[in-house]
Amino acid sequence: MDQNLEMNKKKFFSKILLFGEYGIIKNSKALVIPYKKYYGSLKFSSKLDNVQKDSNINLKQLCKYIKNNEFVSNKINTLKLDSDIENGLYFESTIPESYGLGSSGAVVAAIYESYKKELFVDLEINDLKLIFSLMESFFHGQSSGIDPLSCYVQKPLLVESKNSINTVDIPPQNINSKRTLFLIDTECKGNTQGLVEIFLNKLRQKDFEVLFENEFMVATNNSITNFLERKYEDFENNFIELSKKTFNNFQEMIPINYKNLWMDGIEKKDYYLKLCGSGGGGFLIGLTTDLDKVQKLFPTKKIEALYRF
């Protein structure tokens, strides 16, 4: 089947929320970039193994969910989707789940790309975001739609507000530079829904809300602006502020076995850490001017250069 072969070729990459964790809930800026190390694709099998069967069942439940939402179902060819699911459709993915990398977003993007009706081929980004938010709500109960949007457009996204999202060019890398944004794999899963609930409860405290809006969100917005404008010294200063404010105010979101490492970085000034998404596990994002030194400090940790500048 030609369509089946075409599906096998189309990859939907994971994403990283570089900046905007939690602030995006309060309408701060956010910067999302594709992360091409992991990806997923829709495939068919006439004899599903256990993993494929679980994915097939998941797709069947997603299709039922879509059909129960008139706004979304009008845009998706659910008859074809239903038929393909019965014929062994599944989603093969290398994207780790509960890592904040868009594992469910990739599924949503793949389904939309393969089963959207012709009238909805060239929608604007904000229209796509709405459709994706409704589709991904199947997985999380509530979704901003940004993860599947990132997986779908496969370009960096600048979120300026809930109603203003655009693709953006990020500065080119300088592969010879020692100044590096890096990832640390915590090797444990996060719990986005639970941590978001903790954050929303913290926001009910007036002092925390004021600090978050006047300091944390300002440092986030400035980090994004500095980065895109290549004002790297200012960027470093704002990143350091985010690292300190996260440690002082988001202890629940920092994996227990990384709290000492987080504080050591701040005190010794060899590196600085921040959350990558909601935290609790998955990846942490770091900033250093000497990645070789960081790798020697943590020889047992999985560390990867993300961006040299």
C-alpha atoms as a PDB file:
ATOM      1  CA  MET A   1       0.000   0.000   0.000  1.00  0.00           C
ATOM      2  CA  ASP A   2       1.514   3.296  -1.084  1.00  0.00           C
ATOM      3  CA  GLN A   3       0.067   5.210   1.864  1.00  0.00           C
ATOM      4  CA  ASN A   4       1.579   2.679   4.253  1.00  0.00           C
ATOM      5  CA  LEU A   5       4.997   3.095   2.672  1.00  0.00           C
ATOM      6  CA  GLU A   6       4.655   6.874   2.886  1.00  0.00           C
ATOM      7  CA  MET A   7       3.798   6.635   6.595  1.00  0.00           C
ATOM      8  CA  ASN A   8       6.945   4.584   7.194  1.00  0.00           C
ATOM      9  CA  LYS A   9       9.067   7.437   5.798  1.00  0.00           C
ATOM     10  CA  LYS A  10       7.527  10.289   7.796  1.00  0.00           C
ATOM     11  CA  LYS A  11       9.255  10.896  11.117  1.00  0.00           C
ATOM     12  CA  PHE A  12       7.939  13.125  13.882  1.00  0.00           C
ATOM     13  CA  PHE A  13      10.754  14.321  16.099  1.00  0.00           C
ATOM     14  CA  SER A  14      10.730  14.983  19.817  1.00  0.00           C
ATOM     15  CA  LYS A  15      11.036  18.513  21.157  1.00  0.00           C
ATOM     16  CA  ILE A  16      12.672  20.398  23.998  1.00  0.00           C
ATOM     17  CA  LEU A  17      11.092  23.287  25.847  1.00  0.00           C
ATOM     18  CA  LEU A  18      14.267  25.320  26.112  1.00  0.00           C
ATOM     19  CA  PHE A  19      12.638  28.127  28.118  1.00  0.00           C
ATOM     20  CA  GLY A  20       9.164  28.747  29.454  1.00  0.00           C
ATOM     21  CA  GLU A  21       8.629  25.999  31.997  1.00  0.00           C
ATOM     22  CA  TYR A  22       5.664  26.919  34.204  1.00  0.00           C
ATOM     23  CA  GLY A  23       5.805  30.528  33.000  1.00  0.00           C
ATOM     24  CA  ILE A  24       3.889  29.466  29.916  1.00  0.00           C
ATOM     25  CA  ILE A  25       0.926  28.783  32.213  1.00  0.00           C
ATOM     26  CA  LYS A  26       0.983  32.470  33.177  1.00  0.00           C
ATOM     27  CA  ASN A  27       1.426  33.664  29.584  1.00  0.00           C
ATOM     28  CA  SER A  28       5.180  34.205  29.615  1.00  0.00           C
ATOM     29  CA  LYS A  29       7.309  33.644  26.547  1.00  0.00           C
ATOM     30  CA  ALA A  30       8.557  30.173  25.652  1.00  0.00           C
ATOM     31  CA  LEU A  31      11.062  28.777  23.193  1.00  0.00           C
ATOM     32  CA  VAL A  32      10.607  25.245  21.849  1.00  0.00           C
ATOM     33  CA  ILE A  33      13.136  23.519  19.603  1.00  0.00           C
ATOM     34  CA  PRO A  34      13.061  20.195  17.722  1.00  0.00           C
ATOM     35  CA  TYR A  35      15.196  17.453  19.256  1.00  0.00           C
ATOM     36  CA  LYS A  36      15.992  15.007  16.487  1.00  0.00           C
ATOM     37  CA  LYS A  37      17.610  12.338  18.621  1.00  0.00           C
ATOM     38  CA  TYR A  38      14.196  10.723  19.159  1.00  0.00           C
ATOM     39  CA  TYR A  39      11.270  10.277  16.787  1.00  0.00           C
ATOM     40  CA  GLY A  40       8.183   8.251  15.991  1.00  0.00           C
ATOM     41  CA  SER A  41       6.337   7.065  12.883  1.00  0.00           C
ATOM     42  CA  LEU A  42       3.009   5.488  12.016  1.00  0.00           C
ATOM     43  CA  LYS A  43       3.424   1.951  10.713  1.00  0.00           C
ATOM     44  CA  PHE A  44       1.422  -1.147   9.863  1.00  0.00           C
ATOM     45  CA  SER A  45       1.878  -4.759  10.874  1.00  0.00           C
ATOM     46  CA  SER A  46      -0.189  -7.791   9.949  1.00  0.00           C
ATOM     47  CA  LYS A  47       0.999  -9.488  13.144  1.00  0.00           C
ATOM     48  CA  LEU A  48       1.316  -7.034  16.034  1.00  0.00           C
ATOM     49  CA  ASP A  49       3.708  -7.848  18.879  1.00  0.00           C
ATOM     50  CA  ASN A  50       2.801  -6.849  22.437  1.00  0.00           C
ATOM     51  CA  VAL A  51       4.250  -3.322  22.222  1.00  0.00           C
ATOM     52  CA  GLN A  52       2.652  -2.715  18.842  1.00  0.00           C
ATOM     53  CA  LYS A  53      -0.651  -4.101  20.100  1.00  0.00           C
ATOM     54  CA  ASP A  54      -0.629  -1.657  23.037  1.00  0.00           C
ATOM     55  CA  SER A  55      -0.024   1.209  20.616  1.00  0.00           C
ATOM     56  CA  ASN A  56      -2.797  -0.034  18.316  1.00  0.00           C
ATOM     57  CA  ILE A  57      -5.244  -0.138  21.240  1.00  0.00           C
ATOM     58  CA  ASN A  58      -4.127   3.352  22.270  1.00  0.00           C
ATOM     59  CA  LEU A  59      -4.802   4.643  18.745  1.00  0.00           C
ATOM     60  CA  LYS A  60      -8.234   3.036  18.792  1.00  0.00           C
ATOM     61  CA  GLN A  61      -9.059   4.871  22.035  1.00  0.00           C
ATOM     62  CA  LEU A  62      -7.681   8.126  20.607  1.00  0.00           C
ATOM     63  CA  CYS A  63      -9.852   7.725  17.517  1.00  0.00           C
ATOM     64  CA  LYS A  64     -12.925   7.189  19.697  1.00  0.00           C
ATOM     65  CA  TYR A  65     -11.988  10.316  21.653  1.00  0.00           C
ATOM     66  CA  ILE A  66     -11.649  12.324  18.426  1.00  0.00           C
ATOM     67  CA  LYS A  67     -15.041  11.127  17.182  1.00  0.00           C
ATOM     68  CA  ASN A  68     -16.644  12.380  20.391  1.00  0.00           C
ATOM     69  CA  ASN A  69     -15.336  15.919  19.720  1.00  0.00           C
ATOM     70  CA  GLU A  70     -17.270  17.370  16.788  1.00  0.00           C
ATOM     71  CA  PHE A  71     -14.837  20.255  16.247  1.00  0.00           C
ATOM     72  CA  VAL A  72     -11.875  17.868  15.788  1.00  0.00           C
ATOM     73  CA  SER A  73     -13.717  14.990  14.114  1.00  0.00           C
ATOM     74  CA  ASN A  74     -14.835  17.334  11.316  1.00  0.00           C
ATOM     75  CA  LYS A  75     -11.173  17.770  10.404  1.00  0.00           C
ATOM     76  CA  ILE A  76     -10.012  14.148  10.671  1.00  0.00           C
ATOM     77  CA  ASN A  77     -10.944  11.274   8.385  1.00  0.00           C
ATOM     78  CA  THR A  78     -11.972   9.005  11.236  1.00  0.00           C
ATOM     79  CA  LEU A  79     -13.462   6.387   8.896  1.00  0.00           C
ATOM     80  CA  LYS A  80     -10.059   5.863   7.276  1.00  0.00           C
ATOM     81  CA  LEU A  81      -8.307   6.013  10.641  1.00  0.00           C
ATOM     82  CA  ASP A  82     -10.676   3.397  12.090  1.00  0.00           C
ATOM     83  CA  SER A  83     -10.122   1.156   9.088  1.00  0.00           C
ATOM     84  CA  ASP A  84      -6.331   1.448   9.277  1.00  0.00           C
ATOM     85  CA  ILE A  85      -6.347   0.726  13.015  1.00  0.00           C
ATOM     86  CA  GLU A  86      -8.286  -2.479  12.301  1.00  0.00           C
ATOM     87  CA  ASN A  87      -5.653  -3.334   9.675  1.00  0.00           C
ATOM     88  CA  GLY A  88      -2.738  -3.089  12.122  1.00  0.00           C
ATOM     89  CA  LEU A  89      -1.836   0.602  12.411  1.00  0.00           C
ATOM     90  CA  TYR A  90       0.477   1.444  15.302  1.00  0.00           C
ATOM     91  CA  PHE A  91       2.917   4.191  16.316  1.00  0.00           C
ATOM     92  CA  GLU A  92       6.541   3.117  16.576  1.00  0.00           C
ATOM     93  CA  SER A  93       8.510   5.522  18.745  1.00  0.00           C
ATOM     94  CA  THR A  94      11.932   5.956  20.310  1.00  0.00           C
ATOM     95  CA  ILE A  95      10.748   8.998  22.319  1.00  0.00           C
ATOM     96  CA  PRO A  96      10.947   8.263  26.067  1.00  0.00           C
ATOM     97  CA  GLU A  97       7.611   8.690  27.840  1.00  0.00           C
ATOM     98  CA  SER A  98       7.223  11.021  30.842  1.00  0.00           C
ATOM     99  CA  TYR A  99      10.402  12.873  29.820  1.00  0.00           C
ATOM    100  CA  GLY A 100       8.739  16.036  28.559  1.00  0.00           C
ATOM    101  CA  LEU A 101       9.988  15.324  25.050  1.00  0.00           C
ATOM    102  CA  GLY A 102       6.619  15.225  23.318  1.00  0.00           C
ATOM    103  CA  SER A 103       5.950  11.486  23.089  1.00  0.00           C
ATOM    104  CA  SER A 104       2.186  12.046  22.944  1.00  0.00           C
ATOM    105  CA  GLY A 105       2.631  15.182  20.831  1.00  0.00           C
ATOM    106  CA  ALA A 106       4.372  13.138  18.159  1.00  0.00           C
ATOM    107  CA  VAL A 107       1.440  10.708  18.023  1.00  0.00           C
ATOM    108  CA  VAL A 108      -1.032  13.587  17.624  1.00  0.00           C
ATOM    109  CA  ALA A 109       1.081  15.245  14.922  1.00  0.00           C
ATOM    110  CA  ALA A 110       1.387  11.964  13.018  1.00  0.00           C
ATOM    111  CA  ILE A 111      -2.358  11.252  13.140  1.00  0.00           C
ATOM    112  CA  TYR A 112      -3.230  14.763  11.990  1.00  0.00           C
ATOM    113  CA  GLU A 113      -0.676  14.721   9.170  1.00  0.00           C
ATOM    114  CA  SER A 114      -1.888  11.368   7.852  1.00  0.00           C
ATOM    115  CA  TYR A 115      -5.650  11.734   8.341  1.00  0.00           C
ATOM    116  CA  LYS A 116      -6.484  15.438   8.053  1.00  0.00           C
ATOM    117  CA  LYS A 117      -9.171  16.265   5.510  1.00  0.00           C
ATOM    118  CA  GLU A 118      -8.130  18.239   2.437  1.00  0.00           C
ATOM    119  CA  LEU A 119      -9.905  21.400   3.565  1.00  0.00           C
ATOM    120  CA  PHE A 120      -7.541  21.625   6.532  1.00  0.00           C
ATOM    121  CA  VAL A 121      -4.188  21.139   4.815  1.00  0.00           C
ATOM    122  CA  ASP A 122      -2.862  24.725   5.135  1.00  0.00           C
ATOM    123  CA  LEU A 123      -4.100  26.012   8.481  1.00  0.00           C
ATOM    124  CA  GLU A 124      -2.409  28.837  10.402  1.00  0.00           C
ATOM    125  CA  ILE A 125      -0.267  27.924  13.404  1.00  0.00           C
ATOM    126  CA  ASN A 126      -2.768  29.153  16.000  1.00  0.00           C
ATOM    127  CA  ASP A 127      -5.568  27.134  14.358  1.00  0.00           C
ATOM    128  CA  LEU A 128      -3.369  24.046  14.414  1.00  0.00           C
ATOM    129  CA  LYS A 129      -2.532  24.688  18.068  1.00  0.00           C
ATOM    130  CA  LEU A 130      -6.230  24.632  18.985  1.00  0.00           C
ATOM    131  CA  ILE A 131      -6.863  21.367  17.135  1.00  0.00           C
ATOM    132  CA  PHE A 132      -3.764  19.779  18.660  1.00  0.00           C
ATOM    133  CA  SER A 133      -4.656  20.923  22.170  1.00  0.00           C
ATOM    134  CA  LEU A 134      -8.016  19.183  21.875  1.00  0.00           C
ATOM    135  CA  MET A 135      -6.477  16.015  20.441  1.00  0.00           C
ATOM    136  CA  GLU A 136      -3.666  15.785  22.991  1.00  0.00           C
ATOM    137  CA  SER A 137      -6.125  16.296  25.845  1.00  0.00           C
ATOM    138  CA  PHE A 138      -6.841  12.591  25.367  1.00  0.00           C
ATOM    139  CA  PHE A 139      -3.441  11.861  26.906  1.00  0.00           C
ATOM    140  CA  HIS A 140      -3.183  14.525  29.620  1.00  0.00           C
ATOM    141  CA  GLY A 141      -6.689  15.743  30.408  1.00  0.00           C
ATOM    142  CA  GLN A 142      -5.552  19.226  29.369  1.00  0.00           C
ATOM    143  CA  SER A 143      -3.018  20.357  26.779  1.00  0.00           C
ATOM    144  CA  SER A 144      -1.696  23.655  25.417  1.00  0.00           C
ATOM    145  CA  GLY A 145      -1.200  22.023  22.009  1.00  0.00           C
ATOM    146  CA  ILE A 146       2.383  23.288  21.834  1.00  0.00           C
ATOM    147  CA  ASP A 147       4.070  19.858  21.981  1.00  0.00           C
ATOM    148  CA  PRO A 148       2.217  18.383  18.982  1.00  0.00           C
ATOM    149  CA  LEU A 149       2.557  21.724  17.162  1.00  0.00           C
ATOM    150  CA  SER A 150       6.335  21.536  17.573  1.00  0.00           C
ATOM    151  CA  CYS A 151       6.395  17.907  16.448  1.00  0.00           C
ATOM    152  CA  TYR A 152       4.249  18.846  13.449  1.00  0.00           C
ATOM    153  CA  VAL A 153       6.052  21.936  12.113  1.00  0.00           C
ATOM    154  CA  GLN A 154       9.504  20.591  13.115  1.00  0.00           C
ATOM    155  CA  LYS A 155      10.927  24.090  13.463  1.00  0.00           C
ATOM    156  CA  PRO A 156      11.797  26.221  16.505  1.00  0.00           C
ATOM    157  CA  LEU A 157       8.717  27.940  17.934  1.00  0.00           C
ATOM    158  CA  LEU A 158       8.627  31.258  19.776  1.00  0.00           C
ATOM    159  CA  VAL A 159       5.595  31.486  22.036  1.00  0.00           C
ATOM    160  CA  GLU A 160       5.031  35.154  22.836  1.00  0.00           C
ATOM    161  CA  SER A 161       1.643  34.593  24.441  1.00  0.00           C
ATOM    162  CA  LYS A 162      -1.129  32.015  24.353  1.00  0.00           C
ATOM    163  CA  ASN A 163      -2.463  33.618  21.184  1.00  0.00           C
ATOM    164  CA  SER A 164       0.822  34.452  19.475  1.00  0.00           C
ATOM    165  CA  ILE A 165       3.039  31.610  18.296  1.00  0.00           C
ATOM    166  CA  ASN A 166       5.408  31.739  15.348  1.00  0.00           C
ATOM    167  CA  THR A 167       8.283  29.797  13.892  1.00  0.00           C
ATOM    168  CA  VAL A 168      11.612  31.469  14.564  1.00  0.00           C
ATOM    169  CA  ASP A 169      15.236  31.141  13.443  1.00  0.00           C
ATOM    170  CA  ILE A 170      17.666  30.488  16.259  1.00  0.00           C
ATOM    171  CA  PRO A 171      21.277  31.665  16.001  1.00  0.00           C
ATOM    172  CA  PRO A 172      23.701  29.283  14.266  1.00  0.00           C
ATOM    173  CA  GLN A 173      25.891  27.150  16.462  1.00  0.00           C
ATOM    174  CA  ASN A 174      29.573  27.863  16.975  1.00  0.00           C
ATOM    175  CA  ILE A 175      30.965  24.346  17.204  1.00  0.00           C
ATOM    176  CA  ASN A 176      34.354  25.670  18.358  1.00  0.00           C
ATOM    177  CA  SER A 177      32.928  27.509  21.361  1.00  0.00           C
ATOM    178  CA  LYS A 178      33.249  26.114  24.867  1.00  0.00           C
ATOM    179  CA  ARG A 179      30.112  27.933  25.991  1.00  0.00           C
ATOM    180  CA  THR A 180      27.462  25.241  25.786  1.00  0.00           C
ATOM    181  CA  LEU A 181      23.900  24.467  26.657  1.00  0.00           C
ATOM    182  CA  PHE A 182      23.864  20.801  27.607  1.00  0.00           C
ATOM    183  CA  LEU A 183      21.430  18.109  28.689  1.00  0.00           C
ATOM    184  CA  ILE A 184      21.701  15.814  31.695  1.00  0.00           C
ATOM    185  CA  ASP A 185      19.587  12.674  31.583  1.00  0.00           C
ATOM    186  CA  THR A 186      18.257  12.158  35.121  1.00  0.00           C
ATOM    187  CA  GLU A 187      17.303   8.589  34.139  1.00  0.00           C
ATOM    188  CA  CYS A 188      13.968   8.899  35.910  1.00  0.00           C
ATOM    189  CA  LYS A 189      10.494   9.809  34.697  1.00  0.00           C
ATOM    190  CA  GLY A 190       8.671  12.995  35.615  1.00  0.00           C
ATOM    191  CA  ASN A 191       5.037  13.539  36.546  1.00  0.00           C
ATOM    192  CA  THR A 192       3.904  16.612  34.653  1.00  0.00           C
ATOM    193  CA  GLN A 193       0.286  16.611  35.826  1.00  0.00           C
ATOM    194  CA  GLY A 194       1.205  16.244  39.505  1.00  0.00           C
ATOM    195  CA  LEU A 195       3.922  18.899  39.358  1.00  0.00           C
ATOM    196  CA  VAL A 196       1.676  21.368  37.550  1.00  0.00           C
ATOM    197  CA  GLU A 197      -0.879  20.918  40.357  1.00  0.00           C
ATOM    198  CA  ILE A 198       1.852  21.697  42.901  1.00  0.00           C
ATOM    199  CA  PHE A 199       2.775  24.812  40.938  1.00  0.00           C
ATOM    200  CA  LEU A 200      -0.838  26.006  40.724  1.00  0.00           C
ATOM    201  CA  ASN A 201      -1.182  25.555  44.482  1.00  0.00           C
ATOM    202  CA  LYS A 202       1.983  27.600  45.032  1.00  0.00           C
ATOM    203  CA  LEU A 203       0.542  30.358  42.839  1.00  0.00           C
ATOM    204  CA  ARG A 204      -2.324  30.752  45.321  1.00  0.00           C
ATOM    205  CA  GLN A 205       0.248  32.185  47.743  1.00  0.00           C
ATOM    206  CA  LYS A 206       0.435  35.892  46.963  1.00  0.00           C
ATOM    207  CA  ASP A 207       4.145  36.220  47.757  1.00  0.00           C
ATOM    208  CA  PHE A 208       5.015  33.383  45.397  1.00  0.00           C
ATOM    209  CA  GLU A 209       2.783  34.754  42.640  1.00  0.00           C
ATOM    210  CA  VAL A 210       4.442  38.181  42.852  1.00  0.00           C
ATOM    211  CA  LEU A 211       7.934  36.659  42.848  1.00  0.00           C
ATOM    212  CA  PHE A 212       7.066  34.387  39.943  1.00  0.00           C
ATOM    213  CA  GLU A 213       5.584  37.119  37.771  1.00  0.00           C
ATOM    214  CA  ASN A 214       8.069  39.868  38.624  1.00  0.00           C
ATOM    215  CA  GLU A 215      11.276  37.844  38.761  1.00  0.00           C
ATOM    216  CA  PHE A 216      11.046  34.326  37.333  1.00  0.00           C
ATOM    217  CA  MET A 217       8.973  35.255  34.279  1.00  0.00           C
ATOM    218  CA  VAL A 218      11.101  38.345  33.620  1.00  0.00           C
ATOM    219  CA  ALA A 219      14.295  36.232  33.694  1.00  0.00           C
ATOM    220  CA  THR A 220      12.651  33.696  31.369  1.00  0.00           C
ATOM    221  CA  ASN A 221      11.534  36.333  28.862  1.00  0.00           C
ATOM    222  CA  ASN A 222      14.912  38.060  28.977  1.00  0.00           C
ATOM    223  CA  SER A 223      16.748  34.749  28.457  1.00  0.00           C
ATOM    224  CA  ILE A 224      14.761  34.089  25.303  1.00  0.00           C
ATOM    225  CA  THR A 225      15.245  37.624  23.959  1.00  0.00           C
ATOM    226  CA  ASN A 226      18.974  37.624  24.777  1.00  0.00           C
ATOM    227  CA  PHE A 227      19.452  34.236  23.140  1.00  0.00           C
ATOM    228  CA  LEU A 228      17.657  35.133  19.920  1.00  0.00           C
ATOM    229  CA  GLU A 229      19.455  38.490  19.726  1.00  0.00           C
ATOM    230  CA  ARG A 230      22.832  36.836  20.437  1.00  0.00           C
ATOM    231  CA  LYS A 231      23.408  38.946  23.542  1.00  0.00           C
ATOM    232  CA  TYR A 232      25.145  36.051  25.197  1.00  0.00           C
ATOM    233  CA  GLU A 233      26.590  37.766  28.272  1.00  0.00           C
ATOM    234  CA  ASP A 234      23.131  39.026  29.220  1.00  0.00           C
ATOM    235  CA  PHE A 235      21.798  35.567  28.397  1.00  0.00           C
ATOM    236  CA  GLU A 236      24.242  33.939  30.839  1.00  0.00           C
ATOM    237  CA  ASN A 237      23.237  36.354  33.605  1.00  0.00           C
ATOM    238  CA  ASN A 238      19.550  35.611  33.131  1.00  0.00           C
ATOM    239  CA  PHE A 239      20.172  31.865  32.942  1.00  0.00           C
ATOM    240  CA  ILE A 240      22.024  32.069  36.263  1.00  0.00           C
ATOM    241  CA  GLU A 241      19.067  33.954  37.763  1.00  0.00           C
ATOM    242  CA  LEU A 242      16.705  31.214  36.574  1.00  0.00           C
ATOM    243  CA  SER A 243      18.951  28.553  38.086  1.00  0.00           C
ATOM    244  CA  LYS A 244      19.034  30.284  41.467  1.00  0.00           C
ATOM    245  CA  LYS A 245      15.333  31.122  41.546  1.00  0.00           C
ATOM    246  CA  THR A 246      14.405  27.572  40.582  1.00  0.00           C
ATOM    247  CA  PHE A 247      16.546  26.145  43.366  1.00  0.00           C
ATOM    248  CA  ASN A 248      15.080  28.535  45.934  1.00  0.00           C
ATOM    249  CA  ASN A 249      11.437  28.248  44.886  1.00  0.00           C
ATOM    250  CA  PHE A 250      10.902  24.993  42.965  1.00  0.00           C
ATOM    251  CA  GLN A 251      12.460  22.355  45.204  1.00  0.00           C
ATOM    252  CA  GLU A 252       9.605  19.939  44.478  1.00  0.00           C
ATOM    253  CA  MET A 253      10.461  19.960  40.765  1.00  0.00           C
ATOM    254  CA  ILE A 254      14.179  19.162  41.190  1.00  0.00           C
ATOM    255  CA  PRO A 255      14.976  15.412  41.302  1.00  0.00           C
ATOM    256  CA  ILE A 256      16.232  14.578  44.793  1.00  0.00           C
ATOM    257  CA  ASN A 257      19.574  13.162  43.654  1.00  0.00           C
ATOM    258  CA  TYR A 258      20.332  16.338  41.692  1.00  0.00           C
ATOM    259  CA  LYS A 259      19.761  18.945  44.375  1.00  0.00           C
ATOM    260  CA  ASN A 260      23.353  18.878  45.636  1.00  0.00           C
ATOM    261  CA  LEU A 261      24.722  18.973  42.088  1.00  0.00           C
ATOM    262  CA  TRP A 262      22.437  21.923  41.337  1.00  0.00           C
ATOM    263  CA  MET A 263      23.720  23.875  44.339  1.00  0.00           C
ATOM    264  CA  ASP A 264      27.352  22.918  43.650  1.00  0.00           C
ATOM    265  CA  GLY A 265      27.089  24.469  40.212  1.00  0.00           C
ATOM    266  CA  ILE A 266      25.782  27.735  41.616  1.00  0.00           C
ATOM    267  CA  GLU A 267      28.430  27.903  44.348  1.00  0.00           C
ATOM    268  CA  LYS A 268      31.443  26.827  42.273  1.00  0.00           C
ATOM    269  CA  LYS A 269      30.294  28.617  39.088  1.00  0.00           C
ATOM    270  CA  ASP A 270      31.396  25.735  36.850  1.00  0.00           C
ATOM    271  CA  TYR A 271      27.897  25.232  35.469  1.00  0.00           C
ATOM    272  CA  TYR A 272      24.280  26.182  36.117  1.00  0.00           C
ATOM    273  CA  LEU A 273      21.182  24.004  35.835  1.00  0.00           C
ATOM    274  CA  LYS A 274      17.544  24.679  35.023  1.00  0.00           C
ATOM    275  CA  LEU A 275      14.457  22.570  34.475  1.00  0.00           C
ATOM    276  CA  CYS A 276      13.644  21.178  31.049  1.00  0.00           C
ATOM    277  CA  GLY A 277       9.860  21.277  31.054  1.00  0.00           C
ATOM    278  CA  SER A 278       8.037  20.488  34.275  1.00  0.00           C
ATOM    279  CA  GLY A 279      10.956  18.727  35.952  1.00  0.00           C
ATOM    280  CA  GLY A 280      10.764  15.859  38.424  1.00  0.00           C
ATOM    281  CA  GLY A 281      12.820  13.730  36.030  1.00  0.00           C
ATOM    282  CA  GLY A 282      13.537  13.570  32.330  1.00  0.00           C
ATOM    283  CA  PHE A 283      16.278  15.985  31.288  1.00  0.00           C
ATOM    284  CA  LEU A 284      17.813  18.988  33.002  1.00  0.00           C
ATOM    285  CA  ILE A 285      19.326  21.805  30.931  1.00  0.00           C
ATOM    286  CA  GLY A 286      22.735  23.133  31.881  1.00  0.00           C
ATOM    287  CA  LEU A 287      24.918  26.068  30.917  1.00  0.00           C
ATOM    288  CA  THR A 288      28.713  25.974  31.117  1.00  0.00           C
ATOM    289  CA  THR A 289      31.738  27.633  29.601  1.00  0.00           C
ATOM    290  CA  ASP A 290      33.667  24.349  29.784  1.00  0.00           C
ATOM    291  CA  LEU A 291      31.730  21.203  28.881  1.00  0.00           C
ATOM    292  CA  ASP A 292      34.850  19.009  29.179  1.00  0.00           C
ATOM    293  CA  LYS A 293      35.176  20.014  32.826  1.00  0.00           C
ATOM    294  CA  VAL A 294      31.499  19.257  33.486  1.00  0.00           C
ATOM    295  CA  GLN A 295      31.838  15.804  31.929  1.00  0.00           C
ATOM    296  CA  LYS A 296      34.829  15.105  34.191  1.00  0.00           C
ATOM    297  CA  LEU A 297      32.870  16.298  37.223  1.00  0.00           C
ATOM    298  CA  PHE A 298      30.040  13.856  36.404  1.00  0.00           C
ATOM    299  CA  PRO A 299      31.686  10.856  34.719  1.00  0.00           C
ATOM    300  CA  THR A 300      28.723   8.593  35.535  1.00  0.00           C
ATOM    301  CA  LYS A 301      26.046  10.972  34.214  1.00  0.00           C
ATOM    302  CA  LYS A 302      24.635  10.983  30.694  1.00  0.00           C
ATOM    303  CA  ILE A 303      25.597  14.431  29.430  1.00  0.00           C
ATOM    304  CA  GLU A 304      25.066  15.688  25.896  1.00  0.00           C
ATOM    305  CA  ALA A 305      25.956  18.979  24.225  1.00  0.00           C
ATOM    306  CA  LEU A 306      22.757  20.581  22.978  1.00  0.00           C
ATOM    307  CA  TYR A 307      23.924  23.917  21.604  1.00  0.00           C
ATOM    308  CA  ARG A 308      27.362  25.598  21.389  1.00  0.00           C
ATOM    309  CA  PHE A 309      27.445  29.376  21.038  1.00  0.00           C
END
